[in-house]
PDB file of N, CA and C in Angstrom:
ATOM      1  N   MET A   1     100.262  78.898  84.403  1.00  0.00           N
ATOM      2  CA  MET A   1      99.662  79.320  85.654  1.00  0.00           C
ATOM      3  C   MET A   1     100.017  78.307  86.734  1.00  0.00           C
ATOM      4  N   ALA A   2     100.219  78.855  87.927  1.00  0.00           N
ATOM      5  CA  ALA A   2     100.574  78.010  89.065  1.00  0.00           C
ATOM      6  C   ALA A   2      99.966  78.609  90.326  1.00  0.00           C
ATOM      7  N   ILE A   3      99.785  77.780  91.326  1.00  0.00           N
ATOM      8  CA  ILE A   3      99.377  78.287  92.626  1.00  0.00           C
ATOM      9  C   ILE A   3     100.653  78.608  93.387  1.00  0.00           C
ATOM     10  N   ARG A   4     100.798  79.879  93.779  1.00  0.00           N
ATOM     11  CA  ARG A   4     101.998  80.322  94.476  1.00  0.00           C
ATOM     12  C   ARG A   4     101.686  81.544  95.324  1.00  0.00           C
ATOM     13  N   LYS A   5     102.653  81.924  96.144  1.00  0.00           N
ATOM     14  CA  LYS A   5     102.497  83.102  96.996  1.00  0.00           C
ATOM     15  C   LYS A   5     102.809  84.360  96.195  1.00  0.00           C
ATOM     16  N   ILE A   6     102.027  85.388  96.448  1.00  0.00           N
ATOM     17  CA  ILE A   6     102.194  86.668  95.761  1.00  0.00           C
ATOM     18  C   ILE A   6     101.703  87.778  96.693  1.00  0.00           C
ATOM     19  N   VAL A   7     102.228  88.967  96.519  1.00  0.00           N
ATOM     20  CA  VAL A   7     101.832  90.103  97.354  1.00  0.00           C
ATOM     21  C   VAL A   7     100.435  90.568  96.960  1.00  0.00           C
ATOM     22  N   LYS A   8      99.646  90.841  97.982  1.00  0.00           N
ATOM     23  CA  LYS A   8      98.299  91.399  97.794  1.00  0.00           C
ATOM     24  C   LYS A   8      98.298  92.787  98.433  1.00  0.00           C
ATOM     25  N   ILE A   9      97.777  93.780  97.732  1.00  0.00           N
ATOM     26  CA  ILE A   9      97.723  95.149  98.233  1.00  0.00           C
ATOM     27  C   ILE A   9      96.271  95.544  98.434  1.00  0.00           C
ATOM     28  N   ASP A  10      95.939  95.916  99.659  1.00  0.00           N
ATOM     29  CA  ASP A  10      94.605  96.390  99.997  1.00  0.00           C
ATOM     30  C   ASP A  10      94.549  97.878  99.660  1.00  0.00           C
ATOM     31  N   GLU A  11      93.932  98.202  98.532  1.00  0.00           N
ATOM     32  CA  GLU A  11      93.924  99.587  98.051  1.00  0.00           C
ATOM     33  C   GLU A  11      93.190 100.534  99.003  1.00  0.00           C
ATOM     34  N   GLU A  12      92.226 100.018  99.769  1.00  0.00           N
ATOM     35  CA  GLU A  12      91.519 100.874 100.726  1.00  0.00           C
ATOM     36  C   GLU A  12      92.449 101.356 101.829  1.00  0.00           C
ATOM     37  N   ASN A  13      93.360 100.488 102.271  1.00  0.00           N
ATOM     38  CA  ASN A  13      94.291 100.856 103.345  1.00  0.00           C
ATOM     39  C   ASN A  13      95.541 101.559 102.833  1.00  0.00           C
ATOM     40  N   CYS A  14      95.856 101.421 101.557  1.00  0.00           N
ATOM     41  CA  CYS A  14      97.068 102.025 100.985  1.00  0.00           C
ATOM     42  C   CYS A  14      96.892 103.542 100.905  1.00  0.00           C
ATOM     43  N   ASN A  15      97.891 104.271 101.441  1.00  0.00           N
ATOM     44  CA  ASN A  15      97.835 105.734 101.352  1.00  0.00           C
ATOM     45  C   ASN A  15      98.774 106.287 100.276  1.00  0.00           C
ATOM     46  N   GLY A  16      99.413 105.395  99.528  1.00  0.00           N
ATOM     47  CA  GLY A  16     100.266 105.821  98.423  1.00  0.00           C
ATOM     48  C   GLY A  16     101.599 106.392  98.833  1.00  0.00           C
ATOM     49  N   CYS A  17     102.066 106.087 100.051  1.00  0.00           N
ATOM     50  CA  CYS A  17     103.314 106.677 100.555  1.00  0.00           C
ATOM     51  C   CYS A  17     104.545 106.201  99.769  1.00  0.00           C
ATOM     52  N   GLY A  18     104.472 105.026  99.168  1.00  0.00           N
ATOM     53  CA  GLY A  18     105.577 104.524  98.341  1.00  0.00           C
ATOM     54  C   GLY A  18     106.671 103.811  99.096  1.00  0.00           C
ATOM     55  N   GLN A  19     106.540 103.648 100.411  1.00  0.00           N
ATOM     56  CA  GLN A  19     107.601 102.987 101.175  1.00  0.00           C
ATOM     57  C   GLN A  19     107.791 101.525 100.769  1.00  0.00           C
ATOM     58  N   CYS A  20     106.788 100.905 100.187  1.00  0.00           N
ATOM     59  CA  CYS A  20     106.875  99.503  99.775  1.00  0.00           C
ATOM     60  C   CYS A  20     107.627  99.322  98.458  1.00  0.00           C
ATOM     61  N   VAL A  21     107.841 100.390  97.711  1.00  0.00           N
ATOM     62  CA  VAL A  21     108.452 100.289  96.386  1.00  0.00           C
ATOM     63  C   VAL A  21     109.923  99.875  96.468  1.00  0.00           C
ATOM     64  N   SER A  22     110.709 100.543  97.303  1.00  0.00           N
ATOM     65  CA  SER A  22     112.146 100.255  97.334  1.00  0.00           C
ATOM     66  C   SER A  22     112.510  98.886  97.904  1.00  0.00           C
ATOM     67  N   PRO A  23     111.764  98.302  98.849  1.00  0.00           N
ATOM     68  CA  PRO A  23     112.136  96.962  99.308  1.00  0.00           C
ATOM     69  C   PRO A  23     111.916  95.872  98.259  1.00  0.00           C
ATOM     70  N   CYS A  24     111.142  96.174  97.241  1.00  0.00           N
ATOM     71  CA  CYS A  24     110.864  95.187  96.193  1.00  0.00           C
ATOM     72  C   CYS A  24     112.026  95.165  95.207  1.00  0.00           C
ATOM     73  N   ALA A  25     112.928  94.224  95.412  1.00  0.00           N
ATOM     74  CA  ALA A  25     114.140  94.143  94.585  1.00  0.00           C
ATOM     75  C   ALA A  25     113.828  93.833  93.126  1.00  0.00           C
ATOM     76  N   GLU A  26     112.658  93.280  92.874  1.00  0.00           N
ATOM     77  CA  GLU A  26     112.281  92.915  91.504  1.00  0.00           C
ATOM     78  C   GLU A  26     111.567  94.044  90.767  1.00  0.00           C
ATOM     79  N   GLY A  27     111.206  95.105  91.479  1.00  0.00           N
ATOM     80  CA  GLY A  27     110.513  96.228  90.851  1.00  0.00           C
ATOM     81  C   GLY A  27     109.067  95.937  90.514  1.00  0.00           C
ATOM     82  N   ALA A  28     108.449  94.990  91.229  1.00  0.00           N
ATOM     83  CA  ALA A  28     107.070  94.597  90.933  1.00  0.00           C
ATOM     84  C   ALA A  28     106.050  95.620  91.411  1.00  0.00           C
ATOM     85  N   ILE A  29     106.427  96.462  92.385  1.00  0.00           N
ATOM     86  CA  ILE A  29     105.474  97.421  92.950  1.00  0.00           C
ATOM     87  C   ILE A  29     105.818  98.826  92.501  1.00  0.00           C
ATOM     88  N   GLU A  30     104.778  99.545  92.068  1.00  0.00           N
ATOM     89  CA  GLU A  30     104.916 100.948  91.687  1.00  0.00           C
ATOM     90  C   GLU A  30     103.711 101.703  92.235  1.00  0.00           C
ATOM     91  N   ILE A  31     103.849 103.002  92.379  1.00  0.00           N
ATOM     92  CA  ILE A  31     102.724 103.845  92.778  1.00  0.00           C
ATOM     93  C   ILE A  31     102.060 104.347  91.500  1.00  0.00           C
ATOM     94  N   ILE A  32     100.796 103.988  91.353  1.00  0.00           N
ATOM     95  CA  ILE A  32     100.014 104.372  90.169  1.00  0.00           C
ATOM     96  C   ILE A  32      98.710 104.989  90.655  1.00  0.00           C
ATOM     97  N   ASP A  33      98.425 106.196  90.199  1.00  0.00           N
ATOM     98  CA  ASP A  33      97.212 106.922  90.611  1.00  0.00           C
ATOM     99  C   ASP A  33      97.092 106.990  92.131  1.00  0.00           C
ATOM    100  N   GLY A  34      98.234 107.195  92.803  1.00  0.00           N
ATOM    101  CA  GLY A  34      98.233 107.404  94.240  1.00  0.00           C
ATOM    102  C   GLY A  34      98.121 106.143  95.092  1.00  0.00           C
ATOM    103  N   LYS A  35      98.243 104.972  94.485  1.00  0.00           N
ATOM    104  CA  LYS A  35      98.140 103.708  95.219  1.00  0.00           C
ATOM    105  C   LYS A  35      99.243 102.760  94.771  1.00  0.00           C
ATOM    106  N   ALA A  36      99.706 101.909  95.717  1.00  0.00           N
ATOM    107  CA  ALA A  36     100.684 100.882  95.366  1.00  0.00           C
ATOM    108  C   ALA A  36      99.989  99.803  94.552  1.00  0.00           C
ATOM    109  N   LYS A  37     100.679  99.345  93.515  1.00  0.00           N
ATOM    110  CA  LYS A  37     100.129  98.292  92.651  1.00  0.00           C
ATOM    111  C   LYS A  37     101.247  97.320  92.286  1.00  0.00           C
ATOM    112  N   VAL A  38     100.903  96.042  92.198  1.00  0.00           N
ATOM    113  CA  VAL A  38     101.805  95.063  91.607  1.00  0.00           C
ATOM    114  C   VAL A  38     101.617  95.232  90.104  1.00  0.00           C
ATOM    115  N   VAL A  39     102.649  95.762  89.432  1.00  0.00           N
ATOM    116  CA  VAL A  39     102.496  96.140  88.027  1.00  0.00           C
ATOM    117  C   VAL A  39     102.442  94.936  87.091  1.00  0.00           C
ATOM    118  N   ARG A  40     103.196  93.891  87.438  1.00  0.00           N
ATOM    119  CA  ARG A  40     103.171  92.645  86.649  1.00  0.00           C
ATOM    120  C   ARG A  40     103.400  91.489  87.607  1.00  0.00           C
ATOM    121  N   GLU A  41     102.462  90.568  87.670  1.00  0.00           N
ATOM    122  CA  GLU A  41     102.524  89.496  88.648  1.00  0.00           C
ATOM    123  C   GLU A  41     103.726  88.574  88.460  1.00  0.00           C
ATOM    124  N   GLU A  42     104.239  88.452  87.241  1.00  0.00           N
ATOM    125  CA  GLU A  42     105.409  87.595  87.025  1.00  0.00           C
ATOM    126  C   GLU A  42     106.680  88.190  87.636  1.00  0.00           C
ATOM    127  N   LEU A  43     106.632  89.464  88.024  1.00  0.00           N
ATOM    128  CA  LEU A  43     107.778  90.113  88.665  1.00  0.00           C
ATOM    129  C   LEU A  43     107.796  89.903  90.180  1.00  0.00           C
ATOM    130  N   CYS A  44     106.666  89.566  90.768  1.00  0.00           N
ATOM    131  CA  CYS A  44     106.563  89.409  92.226  1.00  0.00           C
ATOM    132  C   CYS A  44     106.979  88.001  92.630  1.00  0.00           C
ATOM    133  N   ASP A  45     108.037  87.910  93.452  1.00  0.00           N
ATOM    134  CA  ASP A  45     108.508  86.592  93.895  1.00  0.00           C
ATOM    135  C   ASP A  45     107.776  86.095  95.141  1.00  0.00           C
ATOM    136  N   GLY A  46     106.944  86.929  95.746  1.00  0.00           N
ATOM    137  CA  GLY A  46     106.170  86.524  96.907  1.00  0.00           C
ATOM    138  C   GLY A  46     106.962  86.463  98.201  1.00  0.00           C
ATOM    139  N   ALA A  47     108.194  86.982  98.204  1.00  0.00           N
ATOM    140  CA  ALA A  47     109.029  86.938  99.406  1.00  0.00           C
ATOM    141  C   ALA A  47     108.501  87.869 100.494  1.00  0.00           C
ATOM    142  N   GLY A  48     107.883  88.953 100.113  1.00  0.00           N
ATOM    143  CA  GLY A  48     107.226  89.825 101.079  1.00  0.00           C
ATOM    144  C   GLY A  48     108.098  90.816 101.813  1.00  0.00           C
ATOM    145  N   PHE A  49     109.259  91.178 101.258  1.00  0.00           N
ATOM    146  CA  PHE A  49     110.096  92.170 101.923  1.00  0.00           C
ATOM    147  C   PHE A  49     109.392  93.523 102.011  1.00  0.00           C
ATOM    148  N   CYS A  50     108.416  93.747 101.178  1.00  0.00           N
ATOM    149  CA  CYS A  50     107.655  94.996 101.178  1.00  0.00           C
ATOM    150  C   CYS A  50     106.672  95.073 102.343  1.00  0.00           C
ATOM    151  N   ILE A  51     106.258  93.949 102.877  1.00  0.00           N
ATOM    152  CA  ILE A  51     105.179  93.920 103.858  1.00  0.00           C
ATOM    153  C   ILE A  51     105.528  94.659 105.145  1.00  0.00           C
ATOM    154  N   GLY A  52     106.690  94.368 105.709  1.00  0.00           N
ATOM    155  CA  GLY A  52     107.058  94.955 106.993  1.00  0.00           C
ATOM    156  C   GLY A  52     107.285  96.445 106.962  1.00  0.00           C
ATOM    157  N   ILE A  53     107.483  97.002 105.803  1.00  0.00           N
ATOM    158  CA  ILE A  53     107.785  98.423 105.695  1.00  0.00           C
ATOM    159  C   ILE A  53     106.513  99.277 105.549  1.00  0.00           C
ATOM    160  N   CYS A  54     105.385  98.652 105.247  1.00  0.00           N
ATOM    161  CA  CYS A  54     104.141  99.402 105.014  1.00  0.00           C
ATOM    162  C   CYS A  54     103.575  99.935 106.325  1.00  0.00           C
ATOM    163  N   PRO A  55     103.509 101.258 106.492  1.00  0.00           N
ATOM    164  CA  PRO A  55     102.995 101.830 107.738  1.00  0.00           C
ATOM    165  C   PRO A  55     101.480 101.673 107.897  1.00  0.00           C
ATOM    166  N   GLN A  56     100.785 101.319 106.821  1.00  0.00           N
ATOM    167  CA  GLN A  56      99.328 101.194 106.855  1.00  0.00           C
ATOM    168  C   GLN A  56      98.859  99.744 106.999  1.00  0.00           C
ATOM    169  N   GLY A  57      99.788  98.791 106.892  1.00  0.00           N
ATOM    170  CA  GLY A  57      99.392  97.384 106.953  1.00  0.00           C
ATOM    171  C   GLY A  57      98.573  96.975 105.745  1.00  0.00           C
ATOM    172  N   ALA A  58      98.814  97.618 104.614  1.00  0.00           N
ATOM    173  CA  ALA A  58      98.019  97.373 103.414  1.00  0.00           C
ATOM    174  C   ALA A  58      98.522  96.199 102.576  1.00  0.00           C
ATOM    175  N   LEU A  59      99.678  95.645 102.933  1.00  0.00           N
ATOM    176  CA  LEU A  59     100.246  94.560 102.137  1.00  0.00           C
ATOM    177  C   LEU A  59     100.204  93.251 102.907  1.00  0.00           C
ATOM    178  N   SER A  60      99.951  92.188 102.174  1.00  0.00           N
ATOM    179  CA  SER A  60      99.957  90.844 102.745  1.00  0.00           C
ATOM    180  C   SER A  60     100.394  89.866 101.659  1.00  0.00           C
ATOM    181  N   ILE A  61     100.568  88.623 102.055  1.00  0.00           N
ATOM    182  CA  ILE A  61     100.887  87.568 101.093  1.00  0.00           C
ATOM    183  C   ILE A  61      99.673  86.674 100.974  1.00  0.00           C
ATOM    184  N   GLU A  62      99.310  86.367  99.750  1.00  0.00           N
ATOM    185  CA  GLU A  62      98.233  85.412  99.541  1.00  0.00           C
ATOM    186  C   GLU A  62      98.732  84.301  98.629  1.00  0.00           C
ATOM    187  N   GLU A  63      98.130  83.152  98.763  1.00  0.00           N
ATOM    188  CA  GLU A  63      98.469  82.029  97.890  1.00  0.00           C
ATOM    189  C   GLU A  63      97.292  81.829  96.955  1.00  0.00           C
ATOM    190  N   ARG A  64      97.572  81.962  95.663  1.00  0.00           N
ATOM    191  CA  ARG A  64      96.502  81.854  94.671  1.00  0.00           C
ATOM    192  C   ARG A  64      97.092  81.496  93.308  1.00  0.00           C
ATOM    193  N   GLU A  65      96.218  81.239  92.371  1.00  0.00           N
ATOM    194  CA  GLU A  65      96.664  80.926  91.024  1.00  0.00           C
ATOM    195  C   GLU A  65      97.065  82.215  90.312  1.00  0.00           C
ATOM    196  N   THR A  66      98.245  82.202  89.747  1.00  0.00           N
ATOM    197  CA  THR A  66      98.753  83.340  88.988  1.00  0.00           C
ATOM    198  C   THR A  66      99.858  82.836  88.063  1.00  0.00           C
ATOM    199  N   VAL A  67     100.416  83.724  87.287  1.00  0.00           N
ATOM    200  CA  VAL A  67     101.518  83.355  86.399  1.00  0.00           C
ATOM    201  C   VAL A  67     102.747  82.991  87.227  1.00  0.00           C
ATOM    202  N   ASP A  68     103.621  82.201  86.656  1.00  0.00           N
ATOM    203  CA  ASP A  68     104.864  81.829  87.321  1.00  0.00           C
ATOM    204  C   ASP A  68     105.770  83.050  87.475  1.00  0.00           C
ATOM    205  N   PHE A  69     106.566  83.062  88.555  1.00  0.00           N
ATOM    206  CA  PHE A  69     107.594  84.084  88.718  1.00  0.00           C
ATOM    207  C   PHE A  69     108.593  83.916  87.580  1.00  0.00           C
ATOM    208  N   ASP A  70     109.073  85.022  86.998  1.00  0.00           N
ATOM    209  CA  ASP A  70     109.937  84.963  85.815  1.00  0.00           C
ATOM    210  C   ASP A  70     111.204  85.796  86.035  1.00  0.00           C
ATOM    211  N   HIS A  71     112.319  85.098  86.319  1.00  0.00           N
ATOM    212  CA  HIS A  71     113.608  85.772  86.557  1.00  0.00           C
ATOM    213  C   HIS A  71     114.034  86.626  85.362  1.00  0.00           C
ATOM    214  N   LYS A  72     113.837  86.118  84.154  1.00  0.00           N
ATOM    215  CA  LYS A  72     114.234  86.873  82.957  1.00  0.00           C
ATOM    216  C   LYS A  72     113.419  88.157  82.820  1.00  0.00           C
ATOM    217  N   ALA A  73     112.138  88.076  83.108  1.00  0.00           N
ATOM    218  CA  ALA A  73     111.287  89.272  83.045  1.00  0.00           C
ATOM    219  C   ALA A  73     111.750  90.309  84.061  1.00  0.00           C
ATOM    220  N   VAL A  74     112.157  89.854  85.232  1.00  0.00           N
ATOM    221  CA  VAL A  74     112.668  90.766  86.261  1.00  0.00           C
ATOM    222  C   VAL A  74     113.924  91.468  85.758  1.00  0.00           C
ATOM    223  N   GLU A  75     114.857  90.698  85.190  1.00  0.00           N
ATOM    224  CA  GLU A  75     116.100  91.287  84.671  1.00  0.00           C
ATOM    225  C   GLU A  75     115.801  92.346  83.621  1.00  0.00           C
ATOM    226  N   GLU A  76     114.909  92.051  82.706  1.00  0.00           N
ATOM    227  CA  GLU A  76     114.560  93.016  81.660  1.00  0.00           C
ATOM    228  C   GLU A  76     113.876  94.247  82.245  1.00  0.00           C
ATOM    229  N   HIS A  77     112.983  94.020  83.178  1.00  0.00           N
ATOM    230  CA  HIS A  77     112.254  95.120  83.815  1.00  0.00           C
ATOM    231  C   HIS A  77     113.220  96.061  84.547  1.00  0.00           C
ATOM    232  N   LEU A  78     114.184  95.488  85.263  1.00  0.00           N
ATOM    233  CA  LEU A  78     115.119  96.308  86.038  1.00  0.00           C
ATOM    234  C   LEU A  78     116.088  97.081  85.154  1.00  0.00           C
ATOM    235  N   LYS A  79     116.371  96.580  83.964  1.00  0.00           N
ATOM    236  CA  LYS A  79     117.249  97.313  83.032  1.00  0.00           C
ATOM    237  C   LYS A  79     116.651  98.664  82.661  1.00  0.00           C
ATOM    238  N   ASN A  80     115.331  98.716  82.581  1.00  0.00           N
ATOM    239  CA  ASN A  80     114.641  99.922  82.134  1.00  0.00           C
ATOM    240  C   ASN A  80     114.125 100.778  83.280  1.00  0.00           C
ATOM    241  N   ARG A  81     114.451 100.387  84.490  1.00  0.00           N
ATOM    242  CA  ARG A  81     113.924 101.091  85.662  1.00  0.00           C
ATOM    243  C   ARG A  81     115.018 101.952  86.286  1.00  0.00           C
ATOM    244  N   PRO A  82     114.756 103.248  86.453  1.00  0.00           N
ATOM    245  CA  PRO A  82     115.751 104.084  87.118  1.00  0.00           C
ATOM    246  C   PRO A  82     115.886 103.685  88.591  1.00  0.00           C
ATOM    247  N   VAL A  83     117.105 103.630  89.078  1.00  0.00           N
ATOM    248  CA  VAL A  83     117.367 103.261  90.465  1.00  0.00           C
ATOM    249  C   VAL A  83     117.822 104.499  91.222  1.00  0.00           C
ATOM    250  N   ASP A  84     117.194 104.747  92.350  1.00  0.00           N
ATOM    251  CA  ASP A  84     117.546 105.877  93.194  1.00  0.00           C
ATOM    252  C   ASP A  84     118.090 105.344  94.517  1.00  0.00           C
ATOM    253  N   PRO A  85     119.408 105.119  94.612  1.00  0.00           N
ATOM    254  CA  PRO A  85     119.964 104.555  95.835  1.00  0.00           C
ATOM    255  C   PRO A  85     119.815 105.459  97.048  1.00  0.00           C
ATOM    256  N   SER A  86     119.581 106.739  96.832  1.00  0.00           N
ATOM    257  CA  SER A  86     119.417 107.646  97.971  1.00  0.00           C
ATOM    258  C   SER A  86     118.044 107.501  98.625  1.00  0.00           C
ATOM    259  N   ALA A  87     117.160 106.738  98.012  1.00  0.00           N
ATOM    260  CA  ALA A  87     115.811 106.581  98.550  1.00  0.00           C
ATOM    261  C   ALA A  87     115.784 105.696  99.792  1.00  0.00           C
ATOM    262  N   VAL A  88     116.805 104.867  99.977  1.00  0.00           N
ATOM    263  CA  VAL A  88     116.834 103.954 101.115  1.00  0.00           C
ATOM    264  C   VAL A  88     118.150 104.147 101.859  1.00  0.00           C
ATOM    265  N   PHE A  89     118.043 104.384 103.173  1.00  0.00           N
ATOM    266  CA  PHE A  89     119.243 104.579 103.990  1.00  0.00           C
ATOM    267  C   PHE A  89     118.940 104.131 105.412  1.00  0.00           C
ATOM    268  N   CYS A  90     119.982 103.847 106.174  1.00  0.00           N
ATOM    269  CA  CYS A  90     119.831 103.413 107.568  1.00  0.00           C
ATOM    270  C   CYS A  90     119.298 104.573 108.407  1.00  0.00           C
ATOM    271  N   THR A  91     118.211 104.326 109.091  1.00  0.00           N
ATOM    272  CA  THR A  91     117.602 105.337 109.943  1.00  0.00           C
ATOM    273  C   THR A  91     118.530 105.741 111.078  1.00  0.00           C
ATOM    274  N   SER A  92     119.388 104.815 111.506  1.00  0.00           N
ATOM    275  CA  SER A  92     120.265 105.070 112.638  1.00  0.00           C
ATOM    276  C   SER A  92     121.519 105.853 112.254  1.00  0.00           C
ATOM    277  N   CYS A  93     122.267 105.360 111.252  1.00  0.00           N
ATOM    278  CA  CYS A  93     123.555 105.989 110.939  1.00  0.00           C
ATOM    279  C   CYS A  93     123.582 106.727 109.600  1.00  0.00           C
ATOM    280  N   GLY A  94     122.549 106.540 108.770  1.00  0.00           N
ATOM    281  CA  GLY A  94     122.477 107.264 107.508  1.00  0.00           C
ATOM    282  C   GLY A  94     123.144 106.606 106.320  1.00  0.00           C
ATOM    283  N   THR A  95     123.813 105.463 106.514  1.00  0.00           N
ATOM    284  CA  THR A  95     124.472 104.806 105.388  1.00  0.00           C
ATOM    285  C   THR A  95     123.434 104.248 104.417  1.00  0.00           C
ATOM    286  N   GLY A  96     123.864 104.030 103.185  1.00  0.00           N
ATOM    287  CA  GLY A  96     122.943 103.487 102.196  1.00  0.00           C
ATOM    288  C   GLY A  96     123.586 102.612 101.163  1.00  0.00           C
ATOM    289  N   ASP A  97     124.816 102.912 100.788  1.00  0.00           N
ATOM    290  CA  ASP A  97     125.436 102.223  99.664  1.00  0.00           C
ATOM    291  C   ASP A  97     126.304 101.037 100.058  1.00  0.00           C
ATOM    292  N   ASP A  98     127.062 101.175 101.119  1.00  0.00           N
ATOM    293  CA  ASP A  98     128.146 100.244 101.376  1.00  0.00           C
ATOM    294  C   ASP A  98     127.821  99.091 102.322  1.00  0.00           C
ATOM    295  N   ILE A  99     126.681  99.115 103.007  1.00  0.00           N
ATOM    296  CA  ILE A  99     126.316  98.072 103.965  1.00  0.00           C
ATOM    297  C   ILE A  99     124.889  97.613 103.654  1.00  0.00           C
ATOM    298  N   PRO A 100     124.631  96.303 103.700  1.00  0.00           N
ATOM    299  CA  PRO A 100     123.264  95.826 103.444  1.00  0.00           C
ATOM    300  C   PRO A 100     122.261  96.410 104.435  1.00  0.00           C
ATOM    301  N   LEU A 101     121.069  96.718 103.937  1.00  0.00           N
ATOM    302  CA  LEU A 101     119.995  97.286 104.749  1.00  0.00           C
ATOM    303  C   LEU A 101     118.845  96.300 104.864  1.00  0.00           C
ATOM    304  N   LEU A 102     118.144  96.351 106.000  1.00  0.00           N
ATOM    305  CA  LEU A 102     117.000  95.476 106.242  1.00  0.00           C
ATOM    306  C   LEU A 102     115.801  96.315 106.674  1.00  0.00           C
ATOM    307  N   PRO A 103     114.596  95.961 106.190  1.00  0.00           N
ATOM    308  CA  PRO A 103     113.411  96.655 106.688  1.00  0.00           C
ATOM    309  C   PRO A 103     113.077  96.125 108.077  1.00  0.00           C
ATOM    310  N   VAL A 104     112.766  97.032 109.005  1.00  0.00           N
ATOM    311  CA  VAL A 104     112.490  96.664 110.396  1.00  0.00           C
ATOM    312  C   VAL A 104     111.248  97.417 110.868  1.00  0.00           C
ATOM    313  N   ARG A 105     110.417  96.737 111.663  1.00  0.00           N
ATOM    314  CA  ARG A 105     109.295  97.409 112.311  1.00  0.00           C
ATOM    315  C   ARG A 105     109.702  97.696 113.747  1.00  0.00           C
ATOM    316  N   LEU A 106     109.618  98.947 114.166  1.00  0.00           N
ATOM    317  CA  LEU A 106     110.013  99.357 115.502  1.00  0.00           C
ATOM    318  C   LEU A 106     108.934 100.268 116.070  1.00  0.00           C
ATOM    319  N   LYS A 107     108.288  99.812 117.131  1.00  0.00           N
ATOM    320  CA  LYS A 107     107.229 100.590 117.781  1.00  0.00           C
ATOM    321  C   LYS A 107     106.173 101.054 116.780  1.00  0.00           C
ATOM    322  N   GLY A 108     105.801 100.150 115.865  1.00  0.00           N
ATOM    323  CA  GLY A 108     104.763 100.447 114.886  1.00  0.00           C
ATOM    324  C   GLY A 108     105.217 101.235 113.686  1.00  0.00           C
ATOM    325  N   GLU A 109     106.502 101.562 113.618  1.00  0.00           N
ATOM    326  CA  GLU A 109     107.025 102.339 112.495  1.00  0.00           C
ATOM    327  C   GLU A 109     107.933 101.456 111.636  1.00  0.00           C
ATOM    328  N   SER A 110     107.864 101.631 110.327  1.00  0.00           N
ATOM    329  CA  SER A 110     108.731 100.901 109.407  1.00  0.00           C
ATOM    330  C   SER A 110     109.981 101.728 109.145  1.00  0.00           C
ATOM    331  N   ILE A 111     111.144 101.131 109.384  1.00  0.00           N
ATOM    332  CA  ILE A 111     112.411 101.833 109.168  1.00  0.00           C
ATOM    333  C   ILE A 111     113.380 100.900 108.457  1.00  0.00           C
ATOM    334  N   TRP A 112     114.455 101.470 107.926  1.00  0.00           N
ATOM    335  CA  TRP A 112     115.565 100.700 107.358  1.00  0.00           C
ATOM    336  C   TRP A 112     116.719 100.744 108.350  1.00  0.00           C
ATOM    337  N   VAL A 113     117.366  99.600 108.562  1.00  0.00           N
ATOM    338  CA  VAL A 113     118.507  99.524 109.467  1.00  0.00           C
ATOM    339  C   VAL A 113     119.614  98.735 108.780  1.00  0.00           C
ATOM    340  N   CYS A 114     120.847  99.245 108.844  1.00  0.00           N
ATOM    341  CA  CYS A 114     121.977  98.532 108.249  1.00  0.00           C
ATOM    342  C   CYS A 114     122.396  97.392 109.183  1.00  0.00           C
ATOM    343  N   THR A 115     123.121  96.438 108.645  1.00  0.00           N
ATOM    344  CA  THR A 115     123.539  95.284 109.442  1.00  0.00           C
ATOM    345  C   THR A 115     124.509  95.677 110.555  1.00  0.00           C
ATOM    346  N   LYS A 116     125.172  96.803 110.409  1.00  0.00           N
ATOM    347  CA  LYS A 116     126.066  97.298 111.462  1.00  0.00           C
ATOM    348  C   LYS A 116     125.266  97.801 112.671  1.00  0.00           C
ATOM    349  N   CYS A 117     124.155  98.471 112.430  1.00  0.00           N
ATOM    350  CA  CYS A 117     123.336  99.039 113.513  1.00  0.00           C
ATOM    351  C   CYS A 117     122.285  98.058 114.031  1.00  0.00           C
ATOM    352  N   LEU A 118     121.980  97.006 113.298  1.00  0.00           N
ATOM    353  CA  LEU A 118     120.919  96.081 113.688  1.00  0.00           C
ATOM    354  C   LEU A 118     121.089  95.492 115.084  1.00  0.00           C
ATOM    355  N   PRO A 119     122.294  95.065 115.503  1.00  0.00           N
ATOM    356  CA  PRO A 119     122.422  94.504 116.862  1.00  0.00           C
ATOM    357  C   PRO A 119     121.948  95.459 117.958  1.00  0.00           C
ATOM    358  N   ARG A 120     122.115  96.739 117.759  1.00  0.00           N
ATOM    359  CA  ARG A 120     121.653  97.747 118.726  1.00  0.00           C
ATOM    360  C   ARG A 120     120.137  97.686 118.893  1.00  0.00           C
ATOM    361  N   TYR A 121     119.423  97.423 117.783  1.00  0.00           N
ATOM    362  CA  TYR A 121     117.961  97.335 117.841  1.00  0.00           C
ATOM    363  C   TYR A 121     117.515  95.997 118.428  1.00  0.00           C
ATOM    364  N   ILE A 122     118.309  94.962 118.230  1.00  0.00           N
ATOM    365  CA  ILE A 122     117.961  93.646 118.753  1.00  0.00           C
ATOM    366  C   ILE A 122     118.269  93.540 120.246  1.00  0.00           C
ATOM    367  N   HIS A 123     119.455  94.002 120.627  1.00  0.00           N
ATOM    368  CA  HIS A 123     119.919  93.826 122.001  1.00  0.00           C
ATOM    369  C   HIS A 123     119.762  95.071 122.884  1.00  0.00           C
ATOM    370  N   GLY A 124     119.378  96.173 122.300  1.00  0.00           N
ATOM    371  CA  GLY A 124     119.165  97.396 123.084  1.00  0.00           C
ATOM    372  C   GLY A 124     120.386  98.229 123.293  1.00  0.00           C
TER     373      GLY A 124
END
């Protein structure tokens, strides 16, 4: 056990939309019984890429005692997890596979933007 940062999900604010699932590269978040849940704390690296994409503001980072992050557990978990690359695509141009995507908050909405289109959102 260690004190470290980990994602906290406010189940009252979570509407179960699932938008937080795909930004979690480790597969730590799943929708269970209509709510987002951290399925295994050792899978959550605490980076928080899921936070900005949540339209309800139900996710945050907290620092508390929990199990250590485990890279090997993540690798094993991802081997058994189906990946749907069509679930995430650039809101602007529609690409998904060939260019890195970033979660962005724009006018209160969470969207995905590829690195090619990102300057347009930054500079107008």
